[in-house]
Amino acid sequence: MPEIKLNHAEVTGQLNNMKNALNALKLPSPSESAIGQNMLDFTEAWLDREENIHQLLSMYITAVEKNIEDTQSNIDSLKKQDEAITAS
């Protein structure tokens, strides 16, 4: 039966890379001042759509951050279990 080993340092490094990449994701909020005095139906619809995209990206970032935290917690638990097994 093949043995599966957890390389804690490697996984933690990859999670840190993911955190850094996630922190680099920045989408500025839509700015009404950027459209000037344009009060067309299109500009209003554009602002609404851009605000929705901004909210979705914020929710996505929050979900991925939670997944990263959960994964880190899980691999820390696995490492502790492995250490307890090998110590006994």
N, C-alpha and C. Protein backbone atom coordinates (compact mmCIF):
# COMPACT_ATOMS: atom_id res chain seq x y z
N MET A 1 0.84 -1.17 0.00
CA MET A 1 0.00 0.00 0.00
C MET A 1 0.89 1.24 0.00
N PRO A 2 0.64 2.17 -0.93
CA PRO A 2 1.50 3.37 -0.99
C PRO A 2 1.29 4.26 0.24
N GLU A 3 2.38 4.89 0.63
CA GLU A 3 2.34 5.76 1.79
C GLU A 3 2.14 7.20 1.34
N ILE A 4 1.25 7.89 2.00
CA ILE A 4 1.00 9.30 1.70
C ILE A 4 1.60 10.12 2.82
N LYS A 5 2.46 11.06 2.45
CA LYS A 5 3.11 11.89 3.45
C LYS A 5 2.70 13.34 3.25
N LEU A 6 2.52 14.02 4.35
CA LEU A 6 2.20 15.44 4.32
C LEU A 6 3.50 16.22 4.47
N ASN A 7 3.81 17.01 3.46
CA ASN A 7 4.95 17.91 3.54
C ASN A 7 4.41 19.25 4.04
N HIS A 8 4.39 19.39 5.36
CA HIS A 8 3.77 20.55 6.00
C HIS A 8 4.37 21.86 5.51
N ALA A 9 5.67 21.92 5.43
CA ALA A 9 6.34 23.16 5.00
C ALA A 9 5.95 23.53 3.57
N GLU A 10 5.88 22.54 2.70
CA GLU A 10 5.52 22.79 1.29
C GLU A 10 4.08 23.29 1.18
N VAL A 11 3.17 22.63 1.88
CA VAL A 11 1.77 23.04 1.82
C VAL A 11 1.59 24.43 2.42
N THR A 12 2.25 24.70 3.54
CA THR A 12 2.17 26.02 4.15
C THR A 12 2.73 27.08 3.21
N GLY A 13 3.81 26.77 2.52
CA GLY A 13 4.38 27.70 1.55
C GLY A 13 3.41 28.00 0.41
N GLN A 14 2.74 26.96 -0.07
CA GLN A 14 1.76 27.15 -1.14
C GLN A 14 0.56 27.97 -0.64
N LEU A 15 0.14 27.73 0.58
CA LEU A 15 -0.95 28.53 1.15
C LEU A 15 -0.55 29.99 1.29
N ASN A 16 0.69 30.22 1.69
CA ASN A 16 1.17 31.61 1.78
C ASN A 16 1.21 32.27 0.41
N ASN A 17 1.60 31.51 -0.61
CA ASN A 17 1.58 32.04 -1.98
C ASN A 17 0.15 32.41 -2.39
N MET A 18 -0.80 31.56 -2.00
CA MET A 18 -2.20 31.83 -2.31
C MET A 18 -2.67 33.10 -1.60
N LYS A 19 -2.27 33.26 -0.34
CA LYS A 19 -2.65 34.47 0.40
C LYS A 19 -2.10 35.72 -0.28
N ASN A 20 -0.84 35.64 -0.71
CA ASN A 20 -0.22 36.79 -1.38
C ASN A 20 -0.92 37.11 -2.69
N ALA A 21 -1.26 36.08 -3.45
CA ALA A 21 -1.96 36.29 -4.71
C ALA A 21 -3.35 36.87 -4.45
N LEU A 22 -3.99 36.41 -3.41
CA LEU A 22 -5.32 36.91 -3.08
C LEU A 22 -5.26 38.37 -2.66
N ASN A 23 -4.22 38.72 -1.89
CA ASN A 23 -4.07 40.11 -1.47
C ASN A 23 -3.79 41.04 -2.65
N ALA A 24 -3.25 40.48 -3.72
CA ALA A 24 -2.96 41.29 -4.92
C ALA A 24 -4.22 41.57 -5.73
N LEU A 25 -5.30 40.81 -5.47
CA LEU A 25 -6.55 41.03 -6.19
C LEU A 25 -7.22 42.29 -5.66
N LYS A 26 -7.20 43.32 -6.43
CA LYS A 26 -7.85 44.57 -6.03
C LYS A 26 -8.66 45.09 -7.20
N LEU A 27 -9.91 45.32 -6.95
CA LEU A 27 -10.80 45.91 -7.93
C LEU A 27 -11.40 47.14 -7.28
N PRO A 28 -10.99 48.30 -7.74
CA PRO A 28 -11.52 49.51 -7.10
C PRO A 28 -13.03 49.61 -7.30
N SER A 29 -13.68 50.20 -6.33
CA SER A 29 -15.11 50.43 -6.44
C SER A 29 -15.38 51.38 -7.59
N PRO A 30 -16.52 51.20 -8.25
CA PRO A 30 -16.85 52.13 -9.34
C PRO A 30 -17.03 53.54 -8.79
N SER A 31 -16.57 54.48 -9.54
CA SER A 31 -16.60 55.86 -9.10
C SER A 31 -17.54 56.67 -9.97
N GLU A 32 -18.53 57.28 -9.35
CA GLU A 32 -19.45 58.13 -10.10
C GLU A 32 -18.73 59.35 -10.63
N SER A 33 -17.71 59.79 -9.92
CA SER A 33 -16.99 60.97 -10.39
C SER A 33 -16.21 60.68 -11.67
N ALA A 34 -15.89 59.40 -11.91
CA ALA A 34 -15.13 59.04 -13.11
C ALA A 34 -15.96 59.19 -14.38
N ILE A 35 -17.28 59.19 -14.25
CA ILE A 35 -18.11 59.30 -15.45
C ILE A 35 -18.52 60.74 -15.73
N GLY A 36 -18.09 61.64 -14.88
CA GLY A 36 -18.38 63.05 -15.13
C GLY A 36 -19.85 63.35 -14.95
N GLN A 37 -20.37 64.15 -15.87
CA GLN A 37 -21.76 64.57 -15.80
C GLN A 37 -22.70 63.68 -16.61
N ASN A 38 -22.20 62.55 -17.08
CA ASN A 38 -23.03 61.63 -17.87
C ASN A 38 -24.11 61.03 -16.98
N MET A 39 -25.32 61.34 -17.25
CA MET A 39 -26.43 60.79 -16.48
C MET A 39 -27.35 59.99 -17.41
N LEU A 40 -26.73 59.20 -18.26
CA LEU A 40 -27.48 58.36 -19.18
C LEU A 40 -27.93 57.09 -18.49
N ASP A 41 -28.94 56.44 -19.05
CA ASP A 41 -29.38 55.15 -18.51
C ASP A 41 -28.23 54.15 -18.51
N PHE A 42 -27.40 54.22 -19.56
CA PHE A 42 -26.27 53.30 -19.67
C PHE A 42 -25.30 53.47 -18.51
N THR A 43 -24.99 54.72 -18.17
CA THR A 43 -24.01 54.94 -17.10
C THR A 43 -24.56 54.47 -15.76
N GLU A 44 -25.85 54.64 -15.55
CA GLU A 44 -26.44 54.16 -14.30
C GLU A 44 -26.40 52.64 -14.24
N ALA A 45 -26.74 52.00 -15.36
CA ALA A 45 -26.69 50.53 -15.43
C ALA A 45 -25.26 50.05 -15.27
N TRP A 46 -24.31 50.77 -15.85
CA TRP A 46 -22.90 50.41 -15.75
C TRP A 46 -22.43 50.47 -14.30
N LEU A 47 -22.80 51.56 -13.61
CA LEU A 47 -22.41 51.69 -12.20
C LEU A 47 -23.01 50.57 -11.35
N ASP A 48 -24.27 50.22 -11.61
CA ASP A 48 -24.90 49.12 -10.87
C ASP A 48 -24.17 47.81 -11.12
N ARG A 49 -23.87 47.55 -12.39
CA ARG A 49 -23.19 46.30 -12.74
C ARG A 49 -21.81 46.25 -12.10
N GLU A 50 -21.08 47.35 -12.17
CA GLU A 50 -19.73 47.38 -11.59
C GLU A 50 -19.77 47.21 -10.07
N GLU A 51 -20.75 47.77 -9.43
CA GLU A 51 -20.89 47.61 -7.98
C GLU A 51 -21.19 46.15 -7.65
N ASN A 52 -22.03 45.50 -8.45
CA ASN A 52 -22.33 44.07 -8.24
C ASN A 52 -21.08 43.22 -8.42
N ILE A 53 -20.29 43.53 -9.43
CA ILE A 53 -19.03 42.80 -9.66
C ILE A 53 -18.10 43.00 -8.47
N HIS A 54 -18.01 44.21 -7.98
CA HIS A 54 -17.16 44.52 -6.83
C HIS A 54 -17.61 43.74 -5.60
N GLN A 55 -18.91 43.66 -5.36
CA GLN A 55 -19.43 42.91 -4.22
C GLN A 55 -19.16 41.42 -4.36
N LEU A 56 -19.33 40.88 -5.58
CA LEU A 56 -19.06 39.47 -5.81
C LEU A 56 -17.59 39.14 -5.58
N LEU A 57 -16.70 40.01 -6.06
CA LEU A 57 -15.27 39.78 -5.86
C LEU A 57 -14.93 39.83 -4.38
N SER A 58 -15.53 40.74 -3.65
CA SER A 58 -15.28 40.83 -2.21
C SER A 58 -15.75 39.56 -1.50
N MET A 59 -16.92 39.05 -1.89
CA MET A 59 -17.43 37.82 -1.30
C MET A 59 -16.53 36.63 -1.66
N TYR A 60 -16.05 36.60 -2.89
CA TYR A 60 -15.15 35.52 -3.33
C TYR A 60 -13.85 35.55 -2.53
N ILE A 61 -13.28 36.73 -2.36
CA ILE A 61 -12.03 36.86 -1.60
C ILE A 61 -12.23 36.39 -0.17
N THR A 62 -13.35 36.76 0.43
CA THR A 62 -13.65 36.33 1.80
C THR A 62 -13.76 34.81 1.88
N ALA A 63 -14.43 34.21 0.90
CA ALA A 63 -14.59 32.74 0.90
C ALA A 63 -13.24 32.05 0.72
N VAL A 64 -12.40 32.55 -0.16
CA VAL A 64 -11.10 31.93 -0.38
C VAL A 64 -10.22 32.10 0.85
N GLU A 65 -10.27 33.27 1.50
CA GLU A 65 -9.51 33.47 2.73
C GLU A 65 -9.92 32.45 3.79
N LYS A 66 -11.21 32.21 3.90
CA LYS A 66 -11.71 31.23 4.87
C LYS A 66 -11.22 29.82 4.52
N ASN A 67 -11.24 29.49 3.23
CA ASN A 67 -10.74 28.18 2.80
C ASN A 67 -9.26 28.01 3.11
N ILE A 68 -8.48 29.05 2.90
CA ILE A 68 -7.05 29.00 3.20
C ILE A 68 -6.84 28.79 4.70
N GLU A 69 -7.58 29.54 5.52
CA GLU A 69 -7.46 29.38 6.98
C GLU A 69 -7.85 27.97 7.41
N ASP A 70 -8.94 27.46 6.85
CA ASP A 70 -9.39 26.11 7.20
C ASP A 70 -8.36 25.06 6.78
N THR A 71 -7.81 25.22 5.59
CA THR A 71 -6.80 24.28 5.11
C THR A 71 -5.56 24.32 6.00
N GLN A 72 -5.13 25.51 6.38
CA GLN A 72 -3.96 25.64 7.27
C GLN A 72 -4.24 24.95 8.60
N SER A 73 -5.43 25.16 9.14
CA SER A 73 -5.80 24.53 10.40
C SER A 73 -5.80 23.01 10.26
N ASN A 74 -6.32 22.51 9.15
CA ASN A 74 -6.37 21.06 8.93
C ASN A 74 -4.98 20.45 8.79
N ILE A 75 -4.10 21.11 8.06
CA ILE A 75 -2.76 20.53 7.91
C ILE A 75 -1.97 20.62 9.20
N ASP A 76 -2.24 21.66 10.00
CA ASP A 76 -1.60 21.74 11.32
C ASP A 76 -2.07 20.59 12.20
N SER A 77 -3.36 20.28 12.13
CA SER A 77 -3.91 19.15 12.91
C SER A 77 -3.32 17.83 12.45
N LEU A 78 -3.21 17.66 11.14
CA LEU A 78 -2.61 16.43 10.60
C LEU A 78 -1.16 16.28 11.04
N LYS A 79 -0.43 17.38 11.05
CA LYS A 79 0.98 17.33 11.47
C LYS A 79 1.07 16.91 12.93
N LYS A 80 0.20 17.47 13.78
CA LYS A 80 0.21 17.11 15.20
C LYS A 80 -0.15 15.64 15.39
N GLN A 81 -1.12 15.16 14.62
CA GLN A 81 -1.50 13.75 14.72
C GLN A 81 -0.35 12.85 14.28
N ASP A 82 0.32 13.22 13.20
CA ASP A 82 1.47 12.43 12.73
C ASP A 82 2.56 12.40 13.79
N GLU A 83 2.82 13.56 14.40
CA GLU A 83 3.86 13.62 15.42
C GLU A 83 3.48 12.77 16.63
N ALA A 84 2.20 12.79 17.00
CA ALA A 84 1.74 11.98 18.15
C ALA A 84 1.85 10.49 17.83
N ILE A 85 1.55 10.10 16.60
CA ILE A 85 1.64 8.70 16.21
C ILE A 85 3.08 8.23 16.21
N THR A 86 3.97 9.04 15.66
CA THR A 86 5.38 8.62 15.59
C THR A 86 6.04 8.65 16.95
N ALA A 87 5.53 9.48 17.88
CA ALA A 87 6.11 9.56 19.22
C ALA A 87 5.72 8.36 20.07
N SER A 88 4.61 7.73 19.73
CA SER A 88 4.15 6.61 20.58
C SER A 88 4.69 5.29 20.13
